[in-house]
C-alpha atoms as a PDB file:
ATOM      1  CA  MET A   1       0.105  -0.068  -0.007  1.00  0.00           C
ATOM      2  CA  THR A   2       1.423   3.393  -1.025  1.00  0.00           C
ATOM      3  CA  ILE A   3       1.719   6.168   1.625  1.00  0.00           C
ATOM      4  CA  VAL A   4      -0.860   8.142  -0.387  1.00  0.00           C
ATOM      5  CA  LYS A   5      -3.378   5.224  -0.198  1.00  0.00           C
ATOM      6  CA  ARG A   6      -2.570   4.742   3.494  1.00  0.00           C
ATOM      7  CA  LEU A   7      -3.199   8.348   4.153  1.00  0.00           C
ATOM      8  CA  LYS A   8      -6.366   8.436   2.377  1.00  0.00           C
ATOM      9  CA  ALA A   9      -7.553   5.485   4.425  1.00  0.00           C
ATOM     10  CA  THR A  10      -6.417   7.116   7.701  1.00  0.00           C
ATOM     11  CA  LEU A  11      -7.788  10.716   6.822  1.00  0.00           C
ATOM     12  CA  ARG A  12     -10.983   9.723   5.045  1.00  0.00           C
ATOM     13  CA  GLY A  13     -13.620  12.332   6.078  1.00  0.00           C
ATOM     14  CA  MET A  14     -11.206  14.616   7.638  1.00  0.00           C
ATOM     15  CA  SER A  15      -9.079  17.078   5.534  1.00  0.00           C
ATOM     16  CA  TRP A  16      -8.011  15.005   2.511  1.00  0.00           C
ATOM     17  CA  THR A  17      -9.196  16.132  -0.810  1.00  0.00           C
ATOM     18  CA  GLN A  18      -9.607  14.220  -4.040  1.00  0.00           C
ATOM     19  CA  SER A  19      -8.502  16.967  -6.274  1.00  0.00           C
ATOM     20  CA  CYS A  20      -6.062  19.826  -6.083  1.00  0.00           C
ATOM     21  CA  GLU A  21      -6.721  23.588  -6.104  1.00  0.00           C
ATOM     22  CA  ALA A  22      -6.100  23.403  -9.983  1.00  0.00           C
ATOM     23  CA  GLY A  23      -8.912  20.785 -10.429  1.00  0.00           C
ATOM     24  CA  ALA A  24      -6.352  17.891 -11.108  1.00  0.00           C
ATOM     25  CA  PRO A  25      -6.633  14.657  -9.149  1.00  0.00           C
ATOM     26  CA  VAL A  26      -4.288  14.230  -6.190  1.00  0.00           C
ATOM     27  CA  PRO A  27      -1.382  11.989  -7.481  1.00  0.00           C
ATOM     28  CA  GLU A  28      -1.415   8.373  -6.329  1.00  0.00           C
ATOM     29  CA  GLY A  29       2.284   7.478  -7.003  1.00  0.00           C
ATOM     30  CA  ASN A  30       3.886   9.095 -10.099  1.00  0.00           C
ATOM     31  CA  GLY A  31       3.704  12.861  -9.092  1.00  0.00           C
ATOM     32  CA  CYS A  32       1.481  15.468 -10.580  1.00  0.00           C
ATOM     33  CA  SER A  33       1.002  14.983 -14.308  1.00  0.00           C
ATOM     34  CA  HIS A  34      -1.520  17.924 -14.867  1.00  0.00           C
ATOM     35  CA  VAL A  35       0.112  19.840 -17.603  1.00  0.00           C
ATOM     36  CA  ASN A  36      -1.838  23.067 -16.998  1.00  0.00           C
ATOM     37  CA  CYS A  37      -1.410  23.099 -13.321  1.00  0.00           C
ATOM     38  CA  SER A  38      -0.856  26.641 -11.997  1.00  0.00           C
ATOM     39  CA  SER A  39       0.900  25.338  -8.838  1.00  0.00           C
ATOM     40  CA  VAL A  40       4.325  26.221  -8.029  1.00  0.00           C
ATOM     41  CA  ARG A  41       7.028  24.988  -5.535  1.00  0.00           C
ATOM     42  CA  LEU A  42       6.651  26.424  -2.068  1.00  0.00           C
ATOM     43  CA  THR A  43      10.243  27.567  -2.319  1.00  0.00           C
ATOM     44  CA  THR A  44       9.316  30.132  -4.967  1.00  0.00           C
ATOM     45  CA  LEU A  45       6.987  32.179  -2.695  1.00  0.00           C
ATOM     46  CA  GLY A  46       8.012  35.255  -0.701  1.00  0.00           C
ATOM     47  CA  ARG A  47       7.768  35.903   3.010  1.00  0.00           C
ATOM     48  CA  GLY A  48       4.339  36.526   4.020  1.00  0.00           C
ATOM     49  CA  THR A  49       2.695  34.848   0.979  1.00  0.00           C
ATOM     50  CA  ARG A  50      -0.282  32.565   1.526  1.00  0.00           C
ATOM     51  CA  GLY A  51      -1.382  29.825  -0.638  1.00  0.00           C
ATOM     52  CA  ALA A  52      -3.054  26.364  -0.599  1.00  0.00           C
ATOM     53  CA  VAL A  53      -1.346  23.154  -0.958  1.00  0.00           C
ATOM     54  CA  THR A  54      -2.084  21.337  -4.157  1.00  0.00           C
ATOM     55  CA  CYS A  55       0.106  18.240  -3.896  1.00  0.00           C
ATOM     56  CA  LEU A  56       3.258  16.812  -2.618  1.00  0.00           C
ATOM     57  CA  GLU A  57       6.033  15.972  -5.146  1.00  0.00           C
ATOM     58  CA  GLU A  58       6.795  12.319  -5.197  1.00  0.00           C
ATOM     59  CA  PRO A  59       4.079  11.349  -2.774  1.00  0.00           C
ATOM     60  CA  TRP A  60       5.436   7.842  -2.466  1.00  0.00           C
ATOM     61  CA  THR A  61       8.493   8.848  -0.596  1.00  0.00           C
ATOM     62  CA  ALA A  62       9.341   9.018   3.082  1.00  0.00           C
ATOM     63  CA  GLU A  63       9.839  12.715   2.900  1.00  0.00           C
ATOM     64  CA  ALA A  64       6.281  13.218   1.709  1.00  0.00           C
ATOM     65  CA  GLY A  65       5.115  11.014   4.560  1.00  0.00           C
ATOM     66  CA  LYS A  66       6.890  13.297   7.038  1.00  0.00           C
ATOM     67  CA  LEU A  67       5.040  16.346   5.414  1.00  0.00           C
ATOM     68  CA  ALA A  68       1.818  14.577   5.679  1.00  0.00           C
ATOM     69  CA  ALA A  69       2.368  13.699   9.324  1.00  0.00           C
ATOM     70  CA  LEU A  70       3.011  17.360   9.906  1.00  0.00           C
ATOM     71  CA  GLY A  71      -0.351  18.154   8.317  1.00  0.00           C
ATOM     72  CA  ILE A  72       0.777  19.512   4.981  1.00  0.00           C
ATOM     73  CA  LEU A  73      -1.799  17.793   2.663  1.00  0.00           C
ATOM     74  CA  PRO A  74      -3.662  18.857  -0.403  1.00  0.00           C
ATOM     75  CA  GLY A  75      -6.141  21.633   0.379  1.00  0.00           C
ATOM     76  CA  VAL A  76      -4.427  22.864   3.578  1.00  0.00           C
ATOM     77  CA  ARG A  77      -3.767  26.680   3.672  1.00  0.00           C
ATOM     78  CA  VAL A  78      -0.341  27.826   4.396  1.00  0.00           C
ATOM     79  CA  ARG A  79       1.521  31.102   5.041  1.00  0.00           C
ATOM     80  CA  VAL A  80       5.333  31.564   4.533  1.00  0.00           C
ATOM     81  CA  VAL A  81       6.648  33.205   7.687  1.00  0.00           C
ATOM     82  CA  GLN A  82      10.394  32.827   7.093  1.00  0.00           C
ATOM     83  CA  ARG A  83      12.612  31.700   4.227  1.00  0.00           C
ATOM     84  CA  SER A  84      16.043  31.578   5.951  1.00  0.00           C
ATOM     85  CA  PRO A  85      17.853  29.902   7.679  1.00  0.00           C
ATOM     86  CA  ALA A  86      14.812  27.386   7.680  1.00  0.00           C
ATOM     87  CA  TRP A  87      11.419  27.537   6.041  1.00  0.00           C
ATOM     88  CA  VAL A  88       8.861  28.399   8.486  1.00  0.00           C
ATOM     89  CA  LEU A  89       5.153  27.863   7.500  1.00  0.00           C
ATOM     90  CA  LYS A  90       1.947  28.806   9.491  1.00  0.00           C
ATOM     91  CA  VAL A  91      -0.617  26.095   9.189  1.00  0.00           C
ATOM     92  CA  GLY A  92      -3.735  26.965  11.094  1.00  0.00           C
ATOM     93  CA  ARG A  93      -2.403  28.033  14.381  1.00  0.00           C
ATOM     94  CA  THR A  94       0.816  25.986  14.189  1.00  0.00           C
ATOM     95  CA  GLU A  95       4.155  27.113  12.888  1.00  0.00           C
ATOM     96  CA  LEU A  96       6.346  24.522  11.251  1.00  0.00           C
ATOM     97  CA  ALA A  97      10.001  24.661  10.535  1.00  0.00           C
ATOM     98  CA  LEU A  98      11.254  22.715   7.606  1.00  0.00           C
ATOM     99  CA  ASP A  99      14.530  22.496   5.671  1.00  0.00           C
ATOM    100  CA  ARG A 100      14.845  23.379   2.118  1.00  0.00           C
ATOM    101  CA  GLU A 101      14.615  19.806   0.859  1.00  0.00           C
ATOM    102  CA  LEU A 102      11.190  19.245   2.450  1.00  0.00           C
ATOM    103  CA  ALA A 103       9.948  22.773   1.421  1.00  0.00           C
ATOM    104  CA  GLU A 104      10.787  22.030  -2.158  1.00  0.00           C
ATOM    105  CA  ARG A 105       8.430  19.049  -2.100  1.00  0.00           C
ATOM    106  CA  ILE A 106       5.436  21.167  -1.403  1.00  0.00           C
ATOM    107  CA  ARG A 107       3.352  22.515  -4.410  1.00  0.00           C
ATOM    108  CA  VAL A 108       1.010  25.435  -3.903  1.00  0.00           C
ATOM    109  CA  VAL A 109      -1.376  27.742  -5.660  1.00  0.00           C
ATOM    110  CA  GLU A 110      -0.687  31.231  -4.329  1.00  0.00           C
ATOM    111  CA  ASP A 111      -3.604  33.293  -3.053  1.00  0.00           C
ATOM    112  CA  ASP A 112      -4.575  36.459  -5.295  1.00  0.00           C
END
């Protein structure tokens, strides 16, 4: 069972969404293949920018599992608090510190 399928089974009815903010299905195991997806890597956003998580790159990896365990899932809204020396995100009332490697795996659609 892939980590994505395990998360769906665990989080069914909670915060898991079946499609990303761009309308594409959440990837099962080969990454996002939606050609016209408007999502970008989180690491391209500036401090103070808000957005919604669309998907995690390479969702079958342990790193994606770490992000999911921290609550970084498709549909979750985040705000970039700090970019250096670590990436700090505000997710709800929680602030999370991530290294660049983890932050690069998060794809978001920036708020207008």
